[in-house]
Amino acid sequence: MIRAVLFDYGMVLCTQDPDARRNLLALTGLDDAAFERYYWIDRRDLDLARFGGAEYWTRFARHAGLTFTPDQIAALVENDVLLWTNLSEPMLAWAAALQDAGLATAIVSNMVPGLLRYMRQEFAWLAHFDQLTWSCELGLAKPDAAIYTHTCERLNVRPEECLFLDDKPENVRGAEAVGMHALPFTTVDQLRSALQSRNWLQDAPQPGSRNNPPDEEIYALQASLK
């Protein structure tokens, strides 16, 4: 029986903000493919808080053969935070519906310190989750097994009582390796279909269901970010 649903944050509870993405590309002068190649090289170390945003973008410049001014680095840090603040209304509404139905919920995220500071200031809905596991505070990052088991311990549930959702296959495999039910996430429709095909959470509210009550706080926060 699934008693807890664990969400990744990036590309599950949020999508990338297109304006911030365009700003990052303009500031670096790179196309999408090149930007993606350099963006992820040192991202795990940033997720583990081994250095801050300014050092991250200095390293990015070094990998890409670029030079950034201090003002450019400040703008890159700011837009990198804003990149991950475009909330997914359907997924947050589903999380709220699960909470109302009595299921435990958690976020397990490889998270950078600057974005986490912003989220804590702006996203009051974080308090509705039973557990918030952030890599930059714990010193562990997905797909390390310990980040999943830590979350289970904090929720007081066994891994086999959890459903974990993430957009990255390696993180889904990491959750499965410790005994969790896990699904890769791409869209709300895909998630609903995957749950139905496995007969998981069929007695609980379904993602994207019209029967899920809207969370007014979520919608107000989303509107304020547009």
C-alpha atoms as a PDB file:
ATOM      1  CA  MET A   1       0.000   0.000   0.000  1.00  0.00           C
ATOM      2  CA  ILE A   2       1.330   3.422  -0.949  1.00  0.00           C
ATOM      3  CA  ARG A   3       1.221   5.783   2.029  1.00  0.00           C
ATOM      4  CA  ALA A   4       3.488   8.581   0.782  1.00  0.00           C
ATOM      5  CA  VAL A   5       4.151  10.362  -2.511  1.00  0.00           C
ATOM      6  CA  LEU A   6       7.595  11.896  -3.005  1.00  0.00           C
ATOM      7  CA  PHE A   7       8.037  14.595  -5.650  1.00  0.00           C
ATOM      8  CA  ASP A   8      11.084  15.917  -7.398  1.00  0.00           C
ATOM      9  CA  TYR A   9      10.870  19.703  -7.709  1.00  0.00           C
ATOM     10  CA  GLY A  10      12.452  20.745 -11.021  1.00  0.00           C
ATOM     11  CA  MET A  11      10.397  19.709 -14.083  1.00  0.00           C
ATOM     12  CA  VAL A  12       7.827  17.976 -11.849  1.00  0.00           C
ATOM     13  CA  LEU A  13       6.433  20.651  -9.537  1.00  0.00           C
ATOM     14  CA  CYS A  14       7.787  23.376 -11.807  1.00  0.00           C
ATOM     15  CA  THR A  15       8.812  23.892 -15.422  1.00  0.00           C
ATOM     16  CA  GLN A  16      11.478  26.194 -16.787  1.00  0.00           C
ATOM     17  CA  ASP A  17      10.482  29.837 -17.124  1.00  0.00           C
ATOM     18  CA  PRO A  18      10.872  30.753 -20.831  1.00  0.00           C
ATOM     19  CA  ASP A  19      11.822  34.383 -20.180  1.00  0.00           C
ATOM     20  CA  ALA A  20      14.587  33.409 -17.770  1.00  0.00           C
ATOM     21  CA  ARG A  21      15.780  30.775 -20.234  1.00  0.00           C
ATOM     22  CA  ARG A  22      16.008  33.369 -23.023  1.00  0.00           C
ATOM     23  CA  ASN A  23      17.881  35.716 -20.708  1.00  0.00           C
ATOM     24  CA  LEU A  24      20.429  33.036 -19.843  1.00  0.00           C
ATOM     25  CA  LEU A  25      21.016  32.227 -23.500  1.00  0.00           C
ATOM     26  CA  ALA A  26      21.407  35.929 -24.330  1.00  0.00           C
ATOM     27  CA  LEU A  27      23.838  36.508 -21.459  1.00  0.00           C
ATOM     28  CA  THR A  28      26.008  33.550 -22.451  1.00  0.00           C
ATOM     29  CA  GLY A  29      25.638  33.976 -26.214  1.00  0.00           C
ATOM     30  CA  LEU A  30      25.217  30.207 -26.577  1.00  0.00           C
ATOM     31  CA  ASP A  31      22.636  28.133 -28.403  1.00  0.00           C
ATOM     32  CA  ASP A  32      20.444  25.646 -26.528  1.00  0.00           C
ATOM     33  CA  ALA A  33      22.648  22.623 -27.111  1.00  0.00           C
ATOM     34  CA  ALA A  34      25.869  24.309 -26.009  1.00  0.00           C
ATOM     35  CA  PHE A  35      24.197  25.904 -23.000  1.00  0.00           C
ATOM     36  CA  GLU A  36      22.833  22.540 -21.841  1.00  0.00           C
ATOM     37  CA  ARG A  37      26.235  20.907 -22.274  1.00  0.00           C
ATOM     38  CA  TYR A  38      27.979  23.365 -19.953  1.00  0.00           C
ATOM     39  CA  TYR A  39      25.056  23.959 -17.579  1.00  0.00           C
ATOM     40  CA  TRP A  40      25.157  20.474 -16.073  1.00  0.00           C
ATOM     41  CA  ILE A  41      28.930  19.947 -15.761  1.00  0.00           C
ATOM     42  CA  ASP A  42      29.218  21.415 -12.264  1.00  0.00           C
ATOM     43  CA  ARG A  43      25.555  21.359 -11.292  1.00  0.00           C
ATOM     44  CA  ARG A  44      25.866  18.448  -8.876  1.00  0.00           C
ATOM     45  CA  ASP A  45      28.560  20.283  -6.915  1.00  0.00           C
ATOM     46  CA  LEU A  46      26.286  23.347  -6.765  1.00  0.00           C
ATOM     47  CA  ASP A  47      23.411  21.093  -5.615  1.00  0.00           C
ATOM     48  CA  LEU A  48      25.698  19.915  -2.810  1.00  0.00           C
ATOM     49  CA  ALA A  49      26.566  23.535  -1.889  1.00  0.00           C
ATOM     50  CA  ARG A  50      30.263  22.972  -2.491  1.00  0.00           C
ATOM     51  CA  PHE A  51      30.353  26.508  -3.887  1.00  0.00           C
ATOM     52  CA  GLY A  52      27.887  29.313  -4.605  1.00  0.00           C
ATOM     53  CA  GLY A  53      26.229  30.715  -7.688  1.00  0.00           C
ATOM     54  CA  ALA A  54      29.009  33.148  -8.614  1.00  0.00           C
ATOM     55  CA  GLU A  55      31.629  30.385  -8.557  1.00  0.00           C
ATOM     56  CA  TYR A  56      29.320  28.116 -10.546  1.00  0.00           C
ATOM     57  CA  TRP A  57      29.001  30.655 -13.370  1.00  0.00           C
ATOM     58  CA  THR A  58      32.737  31.358 -13.284  1.00  0.00           C
ATOM     59  CA  ARG A  59      33.300  27.648 -13.836  1.00  0.00           C
ATOM     60  CA  PHE A  60      30.628  27.634 -16.565  1.00  0.00           C
ATOM     61  CA  ALA A  61      32.538  30.420 -18.340  1.00  0.00           C
ATOM     62  CA  ARG A  62      35.785  28.487 -18.061  1.00  0.00           C
ATOM     63  CA  HIS A  63      34.240  25.351 -19.584  1.00  0.00           C
ATOM     64  CA  ALA A  64      32.659  27.357 -22.409  1.00  0.00           C
ATOM     65  CA  GLY A  65      35.730  29.498 -23.127  1.00  0.00           C
ATOM     66  CA  LEU A  66      33.872  32.664 -22.113  1.00  0.00           C
ATOM     67  CA  THR A  67      34.500  35.601 -19.800  1.00  0.00           C
ATOM     68  CA  PHE A  68      31.742  37.190 -17.702  1.00  0.00           C
ATOM     69  CA  THR A  69      31.841  40.545 -15.958  1.00  0.00           C
ATOM     70  CA  PRO A  70      30.677  40.770 -12.326  1.00  0.00           C
ATOM     71  CA  ASP A  71      27.409  42.340 -13.530  1.00  0.00           C
ATOM     72  CA  GLN A  72      26.870  39.504 -15.992  1.00  0.00           C
ATOM     73  CA  ILE A  73      27.508  36.914 -13.282  1.00  0.00           C
ATOM     74  CA  ALA A  74      24.982  38.634 -11.020  1.00  0.00           C
ATOM     75  CA  ALA A  75      22.416  38.583 -13.823  1.00  0.00           C
ATOM     76  CA  LEU A  76      23.162  34.909 -14.538  1.00  0.00           C
ATOM     77  CA  VAL A  77      22.683  33.987 -10.868  1.00  0.00           C
ATOM     78  CA  GLU A  78      19.374  35.882 -10.748  1.00  0.00           C
ATOM     79  CA  ASN A  79      17.991  34.363 -13.931  1.00  0.00           C
ATOM     80  CA  ASP A  80      19.145  30.886 -12.930  1.00  0.00           C
ATOM     81  CA  VAL A  81      16.936  31.183  -9.849  1.00  0.00           C
ATOM     82  CA  LEU A  82      13.996  32.517 -11.862  1.00  0.00           C
ATOM     83  CA  LEU A  83      14.444  29.697 -14.379  1.00  0.00           C
ATOM     84  CA  TRP A  84      13.040  27.250 -11.813  1.00  0.00           C
ATOM     85  CA  THR A  85      10.084  29.235 -10.459  1.00  0.00           C
ATOM     86  CA  ASN A  86       7.430  28.557 -13.105  1.00  0.00           C
ATOM     87  CA  LEU A  87       5.094  26.453 -10.967  1.00  0.00           C
ATOM     88  CA  SER A  88       3.101  23.528 -12.334  1.00  0.00           C
ATOM     89  CA  GLU A  89      -0.447  24.297 -11.222  1.00  0.00           C
ATOM     90  CA  PRO A  90      -1.826  20.783 -11.988  1.00  0.00           C
ATOM     91  CA  MET A  91       0.918  19.009 -10.042  1.00  0.00           C
ATOM     92  CA  LEU A  92       0.708  21.314  -7.048  1.00  0.00           C
ATOM     93  CA  ALA A  93      -3.070  20.984  -7.039  1.00  0.00           C
ATOM     94  CA  TRP A  94      -2.663  17.194  -7.081  1.00  0.00           C
ATOM     95  CA  ALA A  95      -0.173  17.338  -4.204  1.00  0.00           C
ATOM     96  CA  ALA A  96      -2.698  19.420  -2.249  1.00  0.00           C
ATOM     97  CA  ALA A  97      -5.442  16.911  -3.022  1.00  0.00           C
ATOM     98  CA  LEU A  98      -3.257  14.024  -1.814  1.00  0.00           C
ATOM     99  CA  GLN A  99      -2.546  15.937   1.380  1.00  0.00           C
ATOM    100  CA  ASP A 100      -6.266  16.528   1.905  1.00  0.00           C
ATOM    101  CA  ALA A 101      -6.851  12.804   1.381  1.00  0.00           C
ATOM    102  CA  GLY A 102      -4.437  11.957   4.187  1.00  0.00           C
ATOM    103  CA  LEU A 103      -1.400  10.753   2.241  1.00  0.00           C
ATOM    104  CA  ALA A 104       2.044  11.888   3.341  1.00  0.00           C
ATOM    105  CA  THR A 105       3.906  14.052   0.815  1.00  0.00           C
ATOM    106  CA  ALA A 106       7.527  15.073   0.465  1.00  0.00           C
ATOM    107  CA  ILE A 107       9.831  16.891  -1.929  1.00  0.00           C
ATOM    108  CA  VAL A 108      13.190  15.247  -2.614  1.00  0.00           C
ATOM    109  CA  SER A 109      15.216  17.632  -4.729  1.00  0.00           C
ATOM    110  CA  ASN A 110      18.741  18.261  -5.882  1.00  0.00           C
ATOM    111  CA  MET A 111      18.511  21.922  -4.943  1.00  0.00           C
ATOM    112  CA  VAL A 112      20.899  24.866  -5.146  1.00  0.00           C
ATOM    113  CA  PRO A 113      21.118  27.250  -2.171  1.00  0.00           C
ATOM    114  CA  GLY A 114      20.088  30.431  -4.018  1.00  0.00           C
ATOM    115  CA  LEU A 115      16.895  28.922  -5.384  1.00  0.00           C
ATOM    116  CA  LEU A 116      16.023  27.428  -2.007  1.00  0.00           C
ATOM    117  CA  ARG A 117      16.315  30.840  -0.356  1.00  0.00           C
ATOM    118  CA  TYR A 118      13.927  32.283  -2.955  1.00  0.00           C
ATOM    119  CA  MET A 119      11.449  29.423  -2.557  1.00  0.00           C
ATOM    120  CA  ARG A 120      11.316  29.785   1.214  1.00  0.00           C
ATOM    121  CA  GLN A 121      10.580  33.479   0.847  1.00  0.00           C
ATOM    122  CA  GLU A 122       7.924  33.133  -1.862  1.00  0.00           C
ATOM    123  CA  PHE A 123       6.296  29.677  -1.628  1.00  0.00           C
ATOM    124  CA  ALA A 124       4.183  29.348   1.516  1.00  0.00           C
ATOM    125  CA  TRP A 125       2.767  26.073   0.151  1.00  0.00           C
ATOM    126  CA  LEU A 126       6.039  24.319   1.015  1.00  0.00           C
ATOM    127  CA  ALA A 127       4.787  24.128   4.597  1.00  0.00           C
ATOM    128  CA  HIS A 128       2.005  21.747   3.498  1.00  0.00           C
ATOM    129  CA  PHE A 129       4.520  18.965   2.740  1.00  0.00           C
ATOM    130  CA  ASP A 130       5.388  16.539   5.522  1.00  0.00           C
ATOM    131  CA  GLN A 131       9.068  16.414   4.581  1.00  0.00           C
ATOM    132  CA  LEU A 132      11.357  18.628   2.494  1.00  0.00           C
ATOM    133  CA  THR A 133      14.664  17.009   1.559  1.00  0.00           C
ATOM    134  CA  TRP A 134      17.138  19.399  -0.102  1.00  0.00           C
ATOM    135  CA  SER A 135      20.513  18.193  -1.344  1.00  0.00           C
ATOM    136  CA  CYS A 136      22.265  21.475  -0.530  1.00  0.00           C
ATOM    137  CA  GLU A 137      21.346  21.130   3.152  1.00  0.00           C
ATOM    138  CA  LEU A 138      21.675  17.380   3.574  1.00  0.00           C
ATOM    139  CA  GLY A 139      24.960  17.011   1.694  1.00  0.00           C
ATOM    140  CA  LEU A 140      23.471  14.162  -0.332  1.00  0.00           C
ATOM    141  CA  ALA A 141      22.134  14.238  -3.885  1.00  0.00           C
ATOM    142  CA  LYS A 142      20.001  11.919  -5.990  1.00  0.00           C
ATOM    143  CA  PRO A 143      20.513   9.180  -7.024  1.00  0.00           C
ATOM    144  CA  ASP A 144      22.474   8.440  -3.826  1.00  0.00           C
ATOM    145  CA  ALA A 145      20.462   5.802  -1.943  1.00  0.00           C
ATOM    146  CA  ALA A 146      20.869   7.653   1.345  1.00  0.00           C
ATOM    147  CA  ILE A 147      18.791  10.637   0.232  1.00  0.00           C
ATOM    148  CA  TYR A 148      15.788   8.364  -0.355  1.00  0.00           C
ATOM    149  CA  THR A 149      16.191   6.380   2.868  1.00  0.00           C
ATOM    150  CA  HIS A 150      16.642   9.604   4.852  1.00  0.00           C
ATOM    151  CA  THR A 151      13.304  10.856   3.527  1.00  0.00           C
ATOM    152  CA  CYS A 152      11.559   7.589   4.384  1.00  0.00           C
ATOM    153  CA  GLU A 153      12.919   7.741   7.918  1.00  0.00           C
ATOM    154  CA  ARG A 154      11.672  11.295   8.357  1.00  0.00           C
ATOM    155  CA  LEU A 155       8.230  10.290   7.081  1.00  0.00           C
ATOM    156  CA  ASN A 156       8.218   7.119   9.211  1.00  0.00           C
ATOM    157  CA  VAL A 157       7.364   4.945   6.214  1.00  0.00           C
ATOM    158  CA  ARG A 158       9.084   2.031   4.523  1.00  0.00           C
ATOM    159  CA  PRO A 159      10.475   2.493   0.986  1.00  0.00           C
ATOM    160  CA  GLU A 160       7.914   0.049  -0.419  1.00  0.00           C
ATOM    161  CA  GLU A 161       5.162   2.324   0.940  1.00  0.00           C
ATOM    162  CA  CYS A 162       6.373   5.250  -1.182  1.00  0.00           C
ATOM    163  CA  LEU A 163       5.791   6.448  -4.724  1.00  0.00           C
ATOM    164  CA  PHE A 164       8.606   8.611  -6.107  1.00  0.00           C
ATOM    165  CA  LEU A 165       8.308  10.867  -9.183  1.00  0.00           C
ATOM    166  CA  ASP A 166      11.225  12.396 -11.065  1.00  0.00           C
ATOM    167  CA  ASP A 167      11.938  13.569 -14.610  1.00  0.00           C
ATOM    168  CA  LYS A 168      15.424  12.004 -14.677  1.00  0.00           C
ATOM    169  CA  PRO A 169      15.631   8.239 -15.286  1.00  0.00           C
ATOM    170  CA  GLU A 170      18.739   7.807 -13.126  1.00  0.00           C
ATOM    171  CA  ASN A 171      16.896   9.252 -10.130  1.00  0.00           C
ATOM    172  CA  VAL A 172      13.920   6.965 -10.733  1.00  0.00           C
ATOM    173  CA  ARG A 173      16.288   3.983 -10.838  1.00  0.00           C
ATOM    174  CA  GLY A 174      17.890   5.168  -7.591  1.00  0.00           C
ATOM    175  CA  ALA A 175      14.513   5.175  -5.862  1.00  0.00           C
ATOM    176  CA  GLU A 176      13.649   1.737  -7.233  1.00  0.00           C
ATOM    177  CA  ALA A 177      16.987   0.405  -5.982  1.00  0.00           C
ATOM    178  CA  VAL A 178      16.001   1.132  -2.362  1.00  0.00           C
ATOM    179  CA  GLY A 179      12.595  -0.525  -2.838  1.00  0.00           C
ATOM    180  CA  MET A 180      10.320   2.391  -3.728  1.00  0.00           C
ATOM    181  CA  HIS A 181       7.603   2.430  -6.329  1.00  0.00           C
ATOM    182  CA  ALA A 182       8.868   5.001  -8.834  1.00  0.00           C
ATOM    183  CA  LEU A 183       7.820   6.579 -12.106  1.00  0.00           C
ATOM    184  CA  PRO A 184       9.521   8.872 -14.609  1.00  0.00           C
ATOM    185  CA  PHE A 185       7.529  12.064 -15.050  1.00  0.00           C
ATOM    186  CA  THR A 186       6.952  13.856 -18.339  1.00  0.00           C
ATOM    187  CA  THR A 187       3.358  15.151 -18.313  1.00  0.00           C
ATOM    188  CA  VAL A 188       0.303  15.007 -16.066  1.00  0.00           C
ATOM    189  CA  ASP A 189      -1.517  12.852 -18.636  1.00  0.00           C
ATOM    190  CA  GLN A 190       1.404  10.420 -18.803  1.00  0.00           C
ATOM    191  CA  LEU A 191       1.510  10.200 -15.009  1.00  0.00           C
ATOM    192  CA  ARG A 192      -2.232   9.536 -14.726  1.00  0.00           C
ATOM    193  CA  SER A 193      -2.000   6.809 -17.367  1.00  0.00           C
ATOM    194  CA  ALA A 194       1.015   5.202 -15.676  1.00  0.00           C
ATOM    195  CA  LEU A 195      -0.754   5.134 -12.305  1.00  0.00           C
ATOM    196  CA  GLN A 196      -3.846   3.578 -13.858  1.00  0.00           C
ATOM    197  CA  SER A 197      -1.882   0.909 -15.730  1.00  0.00           C
ATOM    198  CA  ARG A 198      -0.149  -0.158 -12.495  1.00  0.00           C
ATOM    199  CA  ASN A 199      -3.253   0.209 -10.331  1.00  0.00           C
ATOM    200  CA  TRP A 200      -1.376   2.534  -7.992  1.00  0.00           C
ATOM    201  CA  LEU A 201      -3.235   5.127  -5.887  1.00  0.00           C
ATOM    202  CA  GLN A 202      -6.544   4.247  -7.521  1.00  0.00           C
ATOM    203  CA  ASP A 203      -8.447   5.080  -4.332  1.00  0.00           C
ATOM    204  CA  ALA A 204      -6.714   8.476  -4.091  1.00  0.00           C
ATOM    205  CA  PRO A 205      -7.240  11.698  -6.083  1.00  0.00           C
ATOM    206  CA  GLN A 206      -5.790  11.404  -9.574  1.00  0.00           C
ATOM    207  CA  PRO A 207      -3.425  13.926 -11.214  1.00  0.00           C
ATOM    208  CA  GLY A 208      -5.257  16.364 -13.443  1.00  0.00           C
ATOM    209  CA  SER A 209      -8.651  15.219 -12.180  1.00  0.00           C
ATOM    210  CA  ARG A 210     -11.472  17.737 -12.270  1.00  0.00           C
ATOM    211  CA  ASN A 211     -12.455  16.351  -8.887  1.00  0.00           C
ATOM    212  CA  ASN A 212      -9.306  17.699  -7.265  1.00  0.00           C
ATOM    213  CA  PRO A 213     -10.241  20.851  -5.329  1.00  0.00           C
ATOM    214  CA  PRO A 214      -8.231  23.888  -6.492  1.00  0.00           C
ATOM    215  CA  ASP A 215      -5.691  25.182  -4.003  1.00  0.00           C
ATOM    216  CA  GLU A 216      -6.296  28.936  -3.986  1.00  0.00           C
ATOM    217  CA  GLU A 217      -2.937  29.659  -2.453  1.00  0.00           C
ATOM    218  CA  ILE A 218      -1.124  27.819  -5.244  1.00  0.00           C
ATOM    219  CA  TYR A 219      -2.985  29.656  -7.971  1.00  0.00           C
ATOM    220  CA  ALA A 220      -2.395  33.019  -6.293  1.00  0.00           C
ATOM    221  CA  LEU A 221       1.318  32.318  -6.070  1.00  0.00           C
ATOM    222  CA  GLN A 222       1.465  31.232  -9.695  1.00  0.00           C
ATOM    223  CA  ALA A 223      -0.360  34.371 -10.828  1.00  0.00           C
ATOM    224  CA  SER A 224       2.090  36.535  -8.904  1.00  0.00           C
ATOM    225  CA  LEU A 225       5.002  35.038 -10.839  1.00  0.00           C
ATOM    226  CA  LYS A 226       3.596  35.771 -14.300  1.00  0.00           C
END
